[in-house]
Amino acid sequence: MQVLSGIIYHSLGGFASGSFYMPYNKVRRWKWETYWIIGGLFSWLIVPPIAAYYTLPGFTQIISSASGQTIFFTFLMGLLWGIGGLTYGLGVRYLGMSLGNSVSLGFCAAFGAIVPPVYYNIFPEEGKITFTGMLAHPGGRLVLIGVLICIVGIAVSGMAGMLKEKEISSEESKKSIAEFALAKGLIIAIFSGILSSFMNFGIEAGKPMAEAAITAGYNPLFANNVSYVIIMWGGLTTNFIWTSILSIKNGSYRDLTDRSAPRAKNLFFSALAGTTWYMQFFFYGMGESKLGNGASSWILHMSTIILTANMWGVVRKEWHGTSLKTKLTFILGISVILGSIFLVGIGNSVK
């Protein structure tokens, strides 16, 4: 029952993450940086403490009692993850839901499974798996093989994107993806996937706070919510700085006072997108508390997001008008990525 509950929670979180960008497609006459930071204020600043308050009423005391090292590394991982989240939005913007999510999250799933061991190789901690330990262990080697296979799957998906670019005119592509740009999008999505994986270690770095919440008598199901508050501060810092630069450069700070734009509707959809994005972590924390294996939970979460995002890609007709060869190439790429993710999950389950 524990495993089934964990799978259900991760599926809900994955669906939220794979769907969050859809409301942004309803925003009109606002530049990307405007609606991205409005949504981000809900993702990183408003919703996390509200969720923590209702599930862990004493979360502020737990944070204030945590060590400086715990706060620092949890925030730092959030800062790096924030760069990944920022570029993730750009990747989807330039590649669409299907290809953008598949490339970004493929890298995210793979690196999310190996970032913590690399850290513990540099800063050893009793009971933690190191990267050299992975190389010496059958399960660890299986994880690394899965990472390599994931990169192959991403390359195949990129090939499908190149075939699509050749087959469909730019005018046709922009009917489903307004700013389709393959080369730019692939570079951004790869960079995003690597840095987005730092969320997994942010959760790991914040474990002392989660454990303090459990010790204080709170439900273990929601223990990670206190860590998310700090992680999201890091994400907010990165995204606020970058979107502020873009707002000044592009003059988009005027968007909020532009009466020709449907401001109320834009605010609603941006807030909905931001809240939906945070819900992925809310449910992720619940699923991870049930499965009890951070790396395996991460893999399950990522695979659900990829499947959901590709479902929306079909709904948005992002591959409409391409040849059977192109569609089959993309399906093959997705299959290889998902197969690599499950391989990493199996490797992490080998004790």
Protein backbone atom coordinates (compact mmCIF):
# COMPACT_ATOMS: atom_id res chain seq x y z
CA MET A 1 0.00 0.00 0.00
CA GLN A 2 2.90 2.32 0.78
CA VAL A 3 4.34 1.80 -2.72
CA LEU A 4 0.96 2.29 -4.41
CA SER A 5 0.37 5.54 -2.49
CA GLY A 6 3.83 6.76 -3.46
CA ILE A 7 3.20 6.03 -7.14
CA ILE A 8 -0.14 7.87 -7.02
CA TYR A 9 1.38 10.94 -5.35
CA HIS A 10 4.28 11.04 -7.82
CA SER A 11 1.83 10.68 -10.71
CA LEU A 12 -0.16 13.67 -9.44
CA GLY A 13 3.05 15.68 -9.07
CA GLY A 14 4.25 14.66 -12.51
CA PHE A 15 0.91 15.60 -14.07
CA ALA A 16 1.09 19.03 -12.39
CA SER A 17 4.63 19.62 -13.65
CA GLY A 18 3.91 18.38 -17.15
CA SER A 19 0.82 20.59 -17.35
CA PHE A 20 1.91 23.81 -15.63
CA TYR A 21 2.98 25.64 -18.81
CA MET A 22 -0.42 25.24 -20.46
CA PRO A 23 -2.03 28.27 -18.69
CA TYR A 24 0.83 30.48 -19.95
CA ASN A 25 -0.39 29.79 -23.49
CA LYS A 26 -3.54 31.74 -22.59
CA VAL A 27 -1.61 34.91 -21.67
CA ARG A 28 -1.96 37.68 -24.26
CA ARG A 29 0.06 40.85 -25.00
CA TRP A 30 2.60 40.24 -22.21
CA LYS A 31 6.23 39.42 -22.84
CA TRP A 32 7.62 36.13 -21.58
CA GLU A 33 9.57 37.64 -18.66
CA THR A 34 6.43 39.34 -17.33
CA TYR A 35 4.20 36.32 -17.07
CA TRP A 36 7.10 34.08 -16.03
CA ILE A 37 7.95 36.13 -12.93
CA ILE A 38 4.28 36.65 -12.02
CA GLY A 39 3.80 32.89 -12.09
CA GLY A 40 7.11 32.50 -10.27
CA LEU A 41 6.01 34.69 -7.38
CA PHE A 42 3.28 32.13 -6.74
CA SER A 43 5.64 29.17 -7.31
CA TRP A 44 8.51 30.38 -5.15
CA LEU A 45 7.24 32.99 -2.70
CA ILE A 46 3.50 32.82 -2.02
CA VAL A 47 2.34 29.19 -2.21
CA PRO A 48 5.28 27.37 -0.46
CA PRO A 49 4.88 29.05 2.96
CA ILE A 50 1.10 28.72 2.73
CA ALA A 51 1.44 24.98 2.08
CA ALA A 52 4.01 24.72 4.89
CA TYR A 53 1.78 26.66 7.31
CA TYR A 54 -1.23 24.41 6.80
CA THR A 55 0.75 21.17 6.97
CA LEU A 56 3.59 22.14 9.36
CA PRO A 57 2.34 25.12 11.43
CA GLY A 58 5.67 25.43 13.24
CA PHE A 59 7.81 25.49 10.10
CA THR A 60 9.29 28.92 10.90
CA GLN A 61 10.70 27.61 14.20
CA ILE A 62 12.19 24.61 12.40
CA ILE A 63 13.92 26.88 9.87
CA SER A 64 15.24 29.24 12.56
CA SER A 65 16.61 26.27 14.54
CA ALA A 66 18.37 24.69 11.53
CA SER A 67 22.15 24.96 11.21
CA GLY A 68 23.67 27.61 8.98
CA GLN A 69 25.21 24.90 6.82
CA THR A 70 21.83 23.25 6.21
CA ILE A 71 20.22 26.56 5.26
CA PHE A 72 23.15 27.57 3.06
CA PHE A 73 23.36 24.35 1.02
CA THR A 74 19.59 24.05 0.71
CA PHE A 75 19.43 27.65 -0.58
CA LEU A 76 22.46 27.14 -2.87
CA MET A 77 20.90 24.06 -4.48
CA GLY A 78 17.71 26.08 -4.92
CA LEU A 79 19.72 28.87 -6.55
CA LEU A 80 21.25 26.45 -9.07
CA TRP A 81 17.91 24.74 -9.60
CA GLY A 82 16.43 28.21 -10.19
CA ILE A 83 18.76 28.69 -13.17
CA GLY A 84 17.58 25.33 -14.46
CA GLY A 85 13.94 26.32 -13.94
CA LEU A 86 14.49 29.61 -15.73
CA THR A 87 16.06 27.96 -18.75
CA TYR A 88 13.44 25.20 -18.59
CA GLY A 89 10.79 27.78 -19.34
CA LEU A 90 12.87 29.04 -22.25
CA GLY A 91 13.37 25.50 -23.54
CA VAL A 92 9.61 24.86 -23.66
CA ARG A 93 9.15 28.29 -25.19
CA TYR A 94 11.47 27.48 -28.11
CA LEU A 95 10.87 23.72 -28.53
CA GLY A 96 7.29 23.19 -27.40
CA MET A 97 5.83 20.89 -24.72
CA SER A 98 6.91 17.58 -26.29
CA LEU A 99 10.51 18.12 -27.36
CA GLY A 100 11.34 20.78 -24.75
CA ASN A 101 10.22 18.64 -21.81
CA SER A 102 11.75 15.43 -23.16
CA VAL A 103 15.23 16.93 -23.58
CA SER A 104 15.22 18.97 -20.36
CA LEU A 105 13.72 16.29 -18.15
CA GLY A 106 15.77 13.49 -19.66
CA PHE A 107 18.94 15.27 -18.54
CA CYS A 108 17.27 16.27 -15.29
CA ALA A 109 16.34 12.67 -14.44
CA ALA A 110 19.79 11.35 -15.26
CA PHE A 111 21.84 13.98 -13.46
CA GLY A 112 19.40 14.14 -10.54
CA ALA A 113 20.33 10.56 -9.76
CA ILE A 114 24.11 11.19 -9.75
CA VAL A 115 24.50 14.74 -8.34
CA PRO A 116 24.12 13.67 -4.66
CA PRO A 117 26.78 10.90 -4.92
CA VAL A 118 29.20 13.36 -6.53
CA TYR A 119 28.62 15.79 -3.66
CA TYR A 120 29.19 13.10 -1.04
CA ASN A 121 32.41 12.14 -2.81
CA ILE A 122 33.67 15.68 -2.12
CA PHE A 123 32.03 16.04 1.31
CA PRO A 124 31.82 12.50 2.76
CA GLU A 125 28.99 11.76 5.18
CA GLU A 126 28.35 8.50 6.99
CA GLY A 127 25.72 6.34 5.32
CA LYS A 128 25.70 8.33 2.06
CA ILE A 129 26.56 6.82 -1.33
CA THR A 130 29.57 8.38 -3.10
CA PHE A 131 30.34 8.49 -6.83
CA THR A 132 33.35 6.19 -6.41
CA GLY A 133 31.07 3.90 -4.45
CA MET A 134 28.70 3.84 -7.44
CA LEU A 135 31.54 2.83 -9.75
CA ALA A 136 32.41 -0.05 -7.43
CA HIS A 137 28.80 -1.28 -7.06
CA PRO A 138 26.64 -3.15 -9.65
CA GLY A 139 23.65 -0.90 -8.95
CA GLY A 140 25.78 2.23 -9.27
CA ARG A 141 27.21 1.10 -12.58
CA LEU A 142 23.67 0.41 -13.80
CA VAL A 143 22.72 3.99 -12.93
CA LEU A 144 25.66 5.36 -14.93
CA ILE A 145 24.77 3.15 -17.91
CA GLY A 146 21.22 4.52 -17.66
CA VAL A 147 22.59 8.06 -17.79
CA LEU A 148 24.52 7.28 -21.00
CA ILE A 149 21.45 5.66 -22.57
CA CYS A 150 19.41 8.72 -21.61
CA ILE A 151 21.84 10.94 -23.53
CA VAL A 152 21.37 8.66 -26.57
CA GLY A 153 17.59 9.04 -26.26
CA ILE A 154 17.93 12.80 -26.09
CA ALA A 155 20.10 12.76 -29.23
CA VAL A 156 17.42 10.75 -31.04
CA SER A 157 14.75 13.22 -29.89
CA GLY A 158 16.91 16.07 -31.14
CA MET A 159 17.20 14.30 -34.49
CA ALA A 160 13.40 14.17 -34.63
CA GLY A 161 13.36 17.91 -34.01
CA MET A 162 15.75 18.49 -36.91
CA LEU A 163 13.58 16.36 -39.20
CA LYS A 164 10.55 18.37 -38.11
CA GLU A 165 12.35 21.63 -38.84
CA LYS A 166 13.13 20.45 -42.39
CA GLU A 167 9.62 19.19 -43.11
CA ILE A 168 7.49 22.03 -41.74
CA SER A 169 7.70 25.69 -42.68
CA SER A 170 8.38 28.22 -39.95
CA GLU A 171 4.85 29.58 -40.43
CA GLU A 172 3.37 26.12 -39.87
CA SER A 173 5.56 25.46 -36.80
CA LYS A 174 4.49 28.73 -35.19
CA LYS A 175 0.84 27.66 -35.26
CA SER A 176 1.60 25.31 -32.35
CA ILE A 177 4.90 26.82 -31.06
CA ALA A 178 4.98 30.61 -31.47
CA GLU A 179 8.78 30.97 -31.18
CA PHE A 180 10.10 27.62 -32.44
CA ALA A 181 13.94 27.66 -32.63
CA LEU A 182 15.56 24.22 -32.65
CA ALA A 183 19.27 24.94 -32.12
CA LYS A 184 18.72 27.59 -29.46
CA GLY A 185 16.07 25.48 -27.76
CA LEU A 186 18.22 22.31 -27.61
CA ILE A 187 21.19 24.12 -26.06
CA ILE A 188 18.97 25.77 -23.46
CA ALA A 189 17.05 22.54 -22.71
CA ILE A 190 20.26 20.55 -22.13
CA PHE A 191 21.65 23.25 -19.82
CA SER A 192 18.29 23.40 -18.05
CA GLY A 193 18.11 19.65 -17.53
CA ILE A 194 21.52 19.49 -15.86
CA LEU A 195 20.85 22.36 -13.44
CA SER A 196 17.23 21.39 -12.75
CA SER A 197 18.54 18.14 -11.27
CA PHE A 198 19.84 20.16 -8.31
CA MET A 199 16.30 20.18 -6.91
CA ASN A 200 16.88 16.55 -5.96
CA PHE A 201 19.93 17.50 -3.94
CA GLY A 202 18.17 20.52 -2.48
CA ILE A 203 15.67 18.09 -0.97
CA GLU A 204 18.58 15.96 0.27
CA ALA A 205 20.37 19.00 1.75
CA GLY A 206 17.17 20.00 3.54
CA LYS A 207 16.65 16.57 5.12
CA PRO A 208 17.71 17.76 8.61
CA MET A 209 14.76 20.20 8.56
CA ALA A 210 12.37 17.52 7.31
CA GLU A 211 13.58 15.17 10.02
CA ALA A 212 13.13 17.92 12.63
CA ALA A 213 9.52 18.30 11.46
CA ILE A 214 8.93 14.58 11.98
CA THR A 215 10.60 14.70 15.41
CA ALA A 216 8.29 17.60 16.32
CA GLY A 217 5.33 15.28 15.67
CA TYR A 218 4.23 16.46 12.23
CA ASN A 219 2.99 14.07 9.57
CA PRO A 220 5.99 12.62 7.63
CA LEU A 221 3.84 12.92 4.50
CA PHE A 222 4.41 16.70 4.50
CA ALA A 223 7.88 16.88 6.09
CA ASN A 224 9.61 18.13 2.92
CA ASN A 225 7.38 21.22 2.79
CA VAL A 226 9.70 23.05 5.20
CA SER A 227 12.71 22.41 2.94
CA TYR A 228 10.80 23.68 -0.10
CA VAL A 229 10.45 27.13 1.47
CA ILE A 230 14.25 27.58 1.45
CA ILE A 231 14.77 25.89 -1.93
CA MET A 232 12.17 28.15 -3.53
CA TRP A 233 13.88 31.26 -2.13
CA GLY A 234 16.91 30.23 -4.18
CA GLY A 235 14.76 29.76 -7.28
CA LEU A 236 13.12 33.13 -6.78
CA THR A 237 16.47 34.90 -6.43
CA THR A 238 17.78 33.61 -9.77
CA ASN A 239 14.60 34.19 -11.73
CA PHE A 240 13.88 37.62 -10.25
CA ILE A 241 17.33 38.91 -11.20
CA TRP A 242 17.11 37.64 -14.79
CA THR A 243 13.52 38.72 -15.48
CA SER A 244 14.27 42.16 -14.00
CA ILE A 245 17.17 42.55 -16.45
CA LEU A 246 14.91 41.52 -19.35
CA SER A 247 12.13 43.83 -18.17
CA ILE A 248 14.45 46.83 -18.21
CA LYS A 249 16.05 45.81 -21.50
CA ASN A 250 12.74 45.13 -23.30
CA GLY A 251 10.64 47.72 -21.51
CA SER A 252 8.25 44.94 -20.51
CA TYR A 253 7.79 46.38 -17.01
CA ARG A 254 5.07 48.44 -18.72
CA ASP A 255 3.06 45.27 -19.39
CA LEU A 256 1.31 45.47 -16.02
CA THR A 257 -0.04 48.93 -16.79
CA ASP A 258 -0.89 48.23 -20.44
CA ARG A 259 -4.67 48.68 -20.66
CA SER A 260 -4.83 47.01 -24.07
CA ALA A 261 -3.80 43.71 -22.44
CA PRO A 262 -6.36 41.54 -20.59
CA ARG A 263 -4.59 42.13 -17.27
CA ALA A 264 -7.01 40.29 -14.98
CA LYS A 265 -7.04 37.24 -17.24
CA ASN A 266 -3.26 37.30 -17.63
CA LEU A 267 -2.76 37.54 -13.88
CA PHE A 268 -5.14 34.63 -13.33
CA PHE A 269 -3.45 32.32 -15.84
CA SER A 270 0.04 33.27 -14.64
CA ALA A 271 -0.97 32.60 -11.03
CA LEU A 272 -2.57 29.30 -12.06
CA ALA A 273 0.60 28.24 -13.89
CA GLY A 274 2.82 29.16 -10.94
CA THR A 275 0.62 27.41 -8.39
CA THR A 276 0.40 24.31 -10.57
CA TRP A 277 4.18 24.21 -10.86
CA TYR A 278 4.59 24.27 -7.08
CA MET A 279 2.06 21.45 -6.66
CA GLN A 280 4.51 19.09 -8.36
CA PHE A 281 6.84 19.45 -5.37
CA PHE A 282 4.01 19.25 -2.85
CA PHE A 283 3.00 15.85 -4.23
CA TYR A 284 6.63 14.85 -4.81
CA GLY A 285 7.34 15.26 -1.10
CA MET A 286 4.33 13.10 -0.26
CA GLY A 287 5.42 10.41 -2.72
CA GLU A 288 9.02 10.43 -1.53
CA SER A 289 7.87 10.00 2.07
CA LYS A 290 6.02 6.83 1.05
CA LEU A 291 8.67 5.25 -1.18
CA GLY A 292 11.57 6.23 1.06
CA ASN A 293 14.13 6.34 -1.78
CA GLY A 294 14.93 9.81 -3.03
CA ALA A 295 16.65 8.76 -6.26
CA SER A 296 13.97 6.25 -7.26
CA SER A 297 11.27 8.78 -6.41
CA TRP A 298 13.03 11.32 -8.64
CA ILE A 299 13.10 8.89 -11.55
CA LEU A 300 9.40 8.02 -11.22
CA HIS A 301 8.52 11.71 -10.97
CA MET A 302 10.52 12.63 -14.09
CA SER A 303 9.07 9.83 -16.22
CA THR A 304 5.52 10.89 -15.33
CA ILE A 305 6.29 14.49 -16.31
CA ILE A 306 7.71 13.42 -19.67
CA LEU A 307 4.63 11.33 -20.45
CA THR A 308 2.26 14.14 -19.41
CA ALA A 309 4.15 16.81 -21.39
CA ASN A 310 4.08 14.66 -24.51
CA MET A 311 0.35 14.10 -24.06
CA TRP A 312 -0.10 17.89 -24.11
CA GLY A 313 2.20 18.09 -27.12
CA VAL A 314 -0.18 15.78 -28.98
CA VAL A 315 -3.19 17.85 -27.87
CA ARG A 316 -1.46 21.02 -29.13
CA LYS A 317 -0.65 19.28 -32.45
CA GLU A 318 3.05 20.09 -32.15
CA TRP A 319 3.96 17.23 -34.49
CA HIS A 320 1.04 17.77 -36.86
CA GLY A 321 2.09 17.72 -40.51
CA THR A 322 5.33 15.77 -39.99
CA SER A 323 6.10 12.51 -41.78
CA LEU A 324 5.67 9.05 -40.24
CA LYS A 325 9.47 8.75 -40.10
CA THR A 326 9.74 11.90 -37.98
CA LYS A 327 6.96 10.82 -35.62
CA LEU A 328 8.50 7.36 -35.21
CA THR A 329 11.93 8.91 -34.58
CA PHE A 330 10.49 11.06 -31.82
CA ILE A 331 8.60 8.12 -30.30
CA LEU A 332 11.84 6.11 -30.35
CA GLY A 333 13.67 8.94 -28.58
CA ILE A 334 10.99 9.16 -25.88
CA SER A 335 11.02 5.38 -25.45
CA VAL A 336 14.80 5.33 -25.01
CA ILE A 337 14.64 8.19 -22.46
CA LEU A 338 11.90 6.46 -20.45
CA GLY A 339 13.78 3.16 -20.66
CA SER A 340 16.94 4.82 -19.33
CA ILE A 341 14.96 6.40 -16.49
CA PHE A 342 13.60 3.04 -15.40
CA LEU A 343 17.10 1.57 -15.69
CA VAL A 344 18.39 4.26 -13.33
CA GLY A 345 15.51 3.44 -11.00
CA ILE A 346 16.45 -0.26 -11.00
CA GLY A 347 20.08 0.62 -10.35
CA ASN A 348 19.10 2.75 -7.37
CA SER A 349 16.96 -0.06 -5.96
CA VAL A 350 19.92 -2.50 -5.90
CA LYS A 351 21.24 -2.38 -2.35
